[in-house]
Amino acid sequence: MSKIYNETGQKFIFIMDEWDAVFHMSFITEEDKQNYLLFLKSMLKSKPYVELAYMTGILPIAKYSDGSELNMCIKRQSIGKLLDKFRNL
């Protein structure tokens, strides 16, 4: 994703439905769950190629961690820019 972003300047929008499904599967170990959170963090948090990450799930991220792994804030100005971008499509 970094390579594509660096070559094109285009950012990604991530939509993850039921991002927390792995936490409800009995065969997934605690280590696997932590690795999954670290994977999401390494892919999404503070990356220049991320325009927006929209994640749905049954329970909040804080249920599985202290929340800092995926604690990303969206500024009101960012939402406005996104809306303007999609209005023009």
Protein backbone atom coordinates (compact mmCIF):
# COMPACT_ATOMS: atom_id res chain seq x y z
CA MET A 1 0.00 0.00 0.00
CA SER A 2 2.87 2.35 0.75
CA LYS A 3 4.34 1.69 -2.68
CA ILE A 4 1.03 2.41 -4.43
CA TYR A 5 0.53 5.56 -2.37
CA ASN A 6 4.07 6.77 -3.06
CA GLU A 7 3.66 6.19 -6.81
CA THR A 8 0.13 7.57 -7.21
CA GLY A 9 -0.56 9.80 -4.23
CA GLN A 10 -3.91 8.03 -3.85
CA LYS A 11 -4.99 7.17 -0.32
CA PHE A 12 -6.97 4.11 0.72
CA ILE A 13 -10.32 3.83 2.46
CA PHE A 14 -10.62 0.65 4.53
CA ILE A 15 -14.02 -0.80 5.33
CA MET A 16 -13.95 -3.79 7.67
CA ASP A 17 -17.24 -5.39 8.59
CA GLU A 18 -17.10 -7.47 11.76
CA TRP A 19 -13.42 -6.70 12.31
CA ASP A 20 -13.69 -8.47 15.69
CA ALA A 21 -15.05 -11.80 14.41
CA VAL A 22 -11.79 -13.60 15.27
CA PHE A 23 -12.34 -12.74 18.94
CA HIS A 24 -15.49 -14.87 18.96
CA MET A 25 -13.86 -18.02 17.55
CA SER A 26 -12.86 -20.52 20.22
CA PHE A 27 -9.94 -21.96 18.24
CA ILE A 28 -8.17 -18.58 17.97
CA THR A 29 -5.51 -18.27 20.69
CA GLU A 30 -4.89 -15.18 22.81
CA GLU A 31 -1.53 -14.81 21.07
CA ASP A 32 -3.28 -14.89 17.67
CA LYS A 33 -5.70 -12.20 18.86
CA GLN A 34 -2.87 -9.95 19.99
CA ASN A 35 -1.02 -10.53 16.71
CA TYR A 36 -4.18 -9.60 14.81
CA LEU A 37 -4.45 -6.31 16.73
CA LEU A 38 -0.78 -5.59 16.02
CA PHE A 39 -1.35 -6.37 12.33
CA LEU A 40 -4.25 -3.91 12.15
CA LYS A 41 -2.21 -1.30 13.98
CA SER A 42 0.77 -1.71 11.67
CA MET A 43 -1.46 -1.45 8.61
CA LEU A 44 -3.66 1.47 9.68
CA LYS A 45 -2.33 3.63 12.48
CA SER A 46 -0.48 6.82 11.51
CA LYS A 47 0.03 5.70 7.92
CA PRO A 48 0.07 8.40 5.24
CA TYR A 49 -1.82 6.13 2.81
CA VAL A 50 -4.90 5.81 5.06
CA GLU A 51 -7.69 8.23 4.18
CA LEU A 52 -10.26 6.53 6.41
CA ALA A 53 -10.75 3.27 8.29
CA TYR A 54 -14.36 2.34 9.04
CA MET A 55 -14.63 -0.73 11.23
CA THR A 56 -17.79 -2.39 12.49
CA GLY A 57 -18.02 -5.03 15.16
CA ILE A 58 -20.13 -6.31 18.00
CA LEU A 59 -17.97 -4.93 20.79
CA PRO A 60 -15.65 -1.91 20.94
CA ILE A 61 -11.90 -2.19 20.47
CA ALA A 62 -11.43 -1.32 24.15
CA LYS A 63 -13.02 -4.69 25.03
CA TYR A 64 -9.94 -6.46 23.62
CA SER A 65 -7.17 -4.01 24.48
CA ASP A 66 -6.49 -0.65 26.02
CA GLY A 67 -7.65 0.77 22.69
CA SER A 68 -4.40 2.48 21.82
CA GLU A 69 -3.61 -0.01 19.07
CA LEU A 70 -6.32 1.37 16.85
CA ASN A 71 -7.14 4.67 18.48
CA MET A 72 -7.31 6.95 15.47
CA CYS A 73 -9.15 10.23 15.47
CA ILE A 74 -10.88 11.77 12.50
CA LYS A 75 -10.96 15.54 12.42
CA ARG A 76 -14.11 17.30 11.32
CA GLN A 77 -12.16 18.90 8.47
CA SER A 78 -11.19 15.45 7.22
CA ILE A 79 -14.82 14.36 7.08
CA GLY A 80 -15.69 17.50 5.12
CA LYS A 81 -12.92 16.82 2.62
CA LEU A 82 -14.10 13.23 2.17
CA LEU A 83 -17.68 14.32 1.63
CA ASP A 84 -16.60 16.90 -0.95
CA LYS A 85 -14.51 14.29 -2.73
CA PHE A 86 -17.38 11.82 -3.02
CA ARG A 87 -19.95 14.44 -4.00
CA ASN A 88 -17.87 15.13 -7.09
CA LEU A 89 -17.77 11.50 -8.27
